[in-house]
Amino acid sequence: MAALRKANAYTKRHTVPFTRVSKKRQKSYIKVVPPQKIVKFDMGNTSLYQKGKFAHILTVMTTEKVQVRNNALEACRQFLNKQFERAFAGNYFFKVVPFPHHIQRENKMLTGAGADRMSTGMQLSFGRSIGKAALVKVDAPLFIFATNDAKGIQIARKEFQKIKAKLPCKTRSEYTFVKQ
């Protein structure tokens, strides 16, 4: 299996249009839609969050316009959910906000000896779909964390610092206290 290209090949690039999927095969630009890698978007105690029972809310936001791949969001989700489950044992709410809609594609080119028989150059250069990404604007939320424990926010801030290497953008945290 081939490895994914580095994230900086897509992260801060101008997004390419023509990723339409139509019911009629001839009108569809994308023939195969890659599967969704993010398994769950809401974790923890969702019913308490919907009722507004959590007093402390921490939101992680981007500080720049960026594309975030779905495998980066899934890696962050798995790490954070495991840490929050250990620390809070179900007395928390965690949400991944952006939904990856944008289909990324790549026109694979072969170089070296014998590549002249394999590659087509710019003929039929639209490319194959290789993954999905979320197009995130400035100050858009990436993750939402809520708990009743005031010290839990400090723990969550430390865990959010650990995932900065997994994300292709600079982030900032915003704390909100909801009076009950």
Protein backbone atom coordinates (compact mmCIF):
# COMPACT_ATOMS: atom_id res chain seq x y z
CA MET A 1 0.00 0.00 0.00
CA ALA A 2 1.33 3.42 -0.91
CA ALA A 3 1.84 5.97 1.83
CA LEU A 4 0.01 9.28 2.03
CA ARG A 5 1.74 12.35 0.71
CA LYS A 6 3.00 14.84 3.26
CA ALA A 7 0.27 17.10 4.62
CA ASN A 8 2.02 20.27 3.44
CA ALA A 9 1.26 19.19 -0.12
CA TYR A 10 -2.36 20.08 0.57
CA THR A 11 -2.58 22.04 3.80
CA LYS A 12 -2.37 25.68 2.77
CA ARG A 13 -3.02 25.27 -0.92
CA HIS A 14 -5.79 26.78 -2.98
CA THR A 15 -8.56 24.21 -3.09
CA VAL A 16 -9.31 22.73 -6.46
CA PRO A 17 -12.96 22.64 -7.54
CA PHE A 18 -14.65 19.99 -9.66
CA THR A 19 -15.13 17.43 -6.93
CA ARG A 20 -18.77 16.91 -7.77
CA VAL A 21 -20.34 13.48 -7.41
CA SER A 22 -23.39 13.13 -9.64
CA LYS A 23 -25.99 10.38 -9.92
CA LYS A 24 -25.20 10.19 -13.62
CA ARG A 25 -21.76 8.66 -14.09
CA GLN A 26 -20.87 10.76 -17.14
CA LYS A 27 -21.46 14.04 -15.28
CA SER A 28 -19.57 13.01 -12.17
CA TYR A 29 -16.05 14.41 -11.80
CA ILE A 30 -15.22 12.06 -8.95
CA LYS A 31 -15.95 8.42 -9.66
CA VAL A 32 -15.12 7.02 -6.22
CA VAL A 33 -15.69 8.88 -2.95
CA PRO A 34 -13.13 7.93 -0.27
CA PRO A 35 -14.60 6.53 2.96
CA GLN A 36 -15.04 8.67 6.06
CA LYS A 37 -12.23 7.97 8.53
CA ILE A 38 -13.71 9.80 11.52
CA VAL A 39 -15.72 7.19 13.37
CA LYS A 40 -17.49 9.33 15.98
CA PHE A 41 -17.96 13.07 16.23
CA ASP A 42 -19.57 13.27 19.71
CA MET A 43 -18.03 11.44 22.67
CA GLY A 44 -18.60 11.34 26.39
CA ASN A 45 -21.90 12.30 28.00
CA THR A 46 -23.83 13.92 25.14
CA SER A 47 -27.17 14.10 26.95
CA LEU A 48 -25.80 16.31 29.74
CA TYR A 49 -24.18 18.63 27.19
CA GLN A 50 -27.43 19.01 25.25
CA LYS A 51 -29.25 19.87 28.46
CA GLY A 52 -26.57 22.50 29.26
CA LYS A 53 -25.37 20.85 32.49
CA PHE A 54 -21.63 21.38 31.91
CA ALA A 55 -20.31 24.63 33.40
CA HIS A 56 -16.80 24.75 31.87
CA ILE A 57 -16.35 24.70 28.09
CA LEU A 58 -13.03 24.79 26.23
CA THR A 59 -13.01 25.35 22.46
CA VAL A 60 -9.94 24.82 20.28
CA MET A 61 -9.96 27.13 17.23
CA THR A 62 -7.72 27.65 14.23
CA THR A 63 -5.90 30.92 13.69
CA GLU A 64 -5.60 30.50 9.92
CA LYS A 65 -7.51 29.28 6.89
CA VAL A 66 -6.48 25.68 6.28
CA GLN A 67 -7.40 22.21 5.00
CA VAL A 68 -7.36 19.56 7.72
CA ARG A 69 -7.26 15.96 6.54
CA ASN A 70 -9.70 13.51 8.02
CA ASN A 71 -6.90 11.17 9.14
CA ALA A 72 -5.34 14.06 11.15
CA LEU A 73 -8.68 14.77 12.83
CA GLU A 74 -9.17 11.06 13.56
CA ALA A 75 -5.69 10.74 15.09
CA CYS A 76 -6.39 13.70 17.37
CA ARG A 77 -9.82 12.34 18.27
CA GLN A 78 -8.49 8.93 19.26
CA PHE A 79 -5.68 10.35 21.40
CA LEU A 80 -7.83 12.96 23.14
CA ASN A 81 -10.77 10.67 23.80
CA LYS A 82 -8.49 8.08 25.41
CA GLN A 83 -6.91 10.71 27.67
CA PHE A 84 -10.27 12.25 28.62
CA GLU A 85 -11.78 8.85 29.37
CA ARG A 86 -8.89 8.08 31.74
CA ALA A 87 -9.06 11.44 33.50
CA PHE A 88 -12.82 12.04 33.71
CA ALA A 89 -14.43 8.57 33.40
CA GLY A 90 -17.48 9.64 31.38
CA ASN A 91 -18.10 12.98 33.12
CA TYR A 92 -17.16 15.05 30.08
CA PHE A 93 -18.25 15.92 26.54
CA PHE A 94 -15.90 16.00 23.56
CA LYS A 95 -16.83 16.93 20.00
CA VAL A 96 -14.98 17.04 16.68
CA VAL A 97 -16.59 19.99 14.90
CA PRO A 98 -15.45 20.09 11.21
CA PHE A 99 -16.87 17.51 8.83
CA PRO A 100 -14.53 16.53 5.97
CA HIS A 101 -16.40 17.14 2.70
CA HIS A 102 -13.65 18.21 0.32
CA ILE A 103 -12.27 15.36 -1.78
CA GLN A 104 -8.52 15.55 -2.38
CA ARG A 105 -7.06 14.13 -5.55
CA GLU A 106 -3.66 13.44 -7.03
CA ASN A 107 -2.31 12.87 -10.54
CA LYS A 108 0.35 10.26 -9.89
CA MET A 109 3.47 10.70 -11.97
CA LEU A 110 6.23 8.13 -12.36
CA THR A 111 9.82 9.19 -12.88
CA GLY A 112 12.93 7.26 -13.70
CA ALA A 113 13.73 4.48 -16.14
CA GLY A 114 10.68 2.94 -17.81
CA ALA A 115 8.35 5.70 -16.64
CA ASP A 116 7.71 6.86 -20.21
CA ARG A 117 5.51 3.82 -20.81
CA MET A 118 3.48 4.34 -17.62
CA SER A 119 2.77 8.06 -17.32
CA THR A 120 0.41 10.09 -19.46
CA GLY A 121 1.81 13.49 -18.44
CA MET A 122 -0.90 16.14 -18.51
CA GLN A 123 -3.23 14.07 -20.67
CA LEU A 124 -6.22 13.04 -18.50
CA SER A 125 -4.58 14.84 -15.59
CA PHE A 126 -7.62 15.28 -13.37
CA GLY A 127 -6.28 12.80 -10.81
CA ARG A 128 -7.72 10.12 -8.59
CA SER A 129 -9.39 10.76 -5.26
CA ILE A 130 -7.02 9.93 -2.42
CA GLY A 131 -8.76 11.29 0.67
CA LYS A 132 -11.05 13.84 2.27
CA ALA A 133 -10.35 17.10 4.05
CA ALA A 134 -12.27 19.70 6.01
CA LEU A 135 -11.95 23.27 4.75
CA VAL A 136 -11.62 25.31 7.93
CA LYS A 137 -11.84 29.10 8.10
CA VAL A 138 -10.11 31.48 10.51
CA ASP A 139 -11.39 31.21 14.10
CA ALA A 140 -13.49 28.15 13.26
CA PRO A 141 -13.73 25.60 16.08
CA LEU A 142 -11.94 22.26 15.69
CA PHE A 143 -12.74 20.62 19.03
CA ILE A 144 -15.15 21.35 21.87
CA PHE A 145 -14.56 19.98 25.37
CA ALA A 146 -16.94 20.45 28.30
CA THR A 147 -16.86 19.33 31.94
CA ASN A 148 -18.06 20.35 35.39
CA ASP A 149 -14.61 20.15 36.97
CA ALA A 150 -12.62 23.42 36.97
CA LYS A 151 -9.34 21.50 37.20
CA GLY A 152 -10.48 19.45 34.24
CA ILE A 153 -9.99 22.47 31.99
CA GLN A 154 -6.31 22.62 32.98
CA ILE A 155 -5.94 18.93 32.13
CA ALA A 156 -7.71 19.46 28.80
CA ARG A 157 -5.43 22.40 27.92
CA LYS A 158 -2.36 20.21 28.47
CA GLU A 159 -3.84 17.46 26.28
CA PHE A 160 -4.68 19.96 23.53
CA GLN A 161 -1.05 21.15 23.62
CA LYS A 162 0.08 17.57 22.91
CA ILE A 163 -1.89 17.30 19.66
CA LYS A 164 -0.48 20.47 18.06
CA ALA A 165 2.04 18.37 16.11
CA LYS A 166 -0.78 16.37 14.53
CA LEU A 167 -2.60 19.44 13.19
CA PRO A 168 -1.47 21.43 10.13
CA CYS A 169 -2.36 24.82 11.60
CA LYS A 170 -1.78 27.05 14.59
CA THR A 171 -4.51 26.83 17.21
CA ARG A 172 -5.76 28.77 20.17
CA SER A 173 -8.01 27.79 23.07
CA GLU A 174 -11.05 29.74 24.25
CA TYR A 175 -12.51 29.12 27.69
CA THR A 176 -16.19 29.75 28.49
CA PHE A 177 -17.86 29.54 31.90
CA VAL A 178 -21.60 28.87 31.78
CA LYS A 179 -23.37 29.99 34.94
CA GLN A 180 -26.03 27.53 36.01
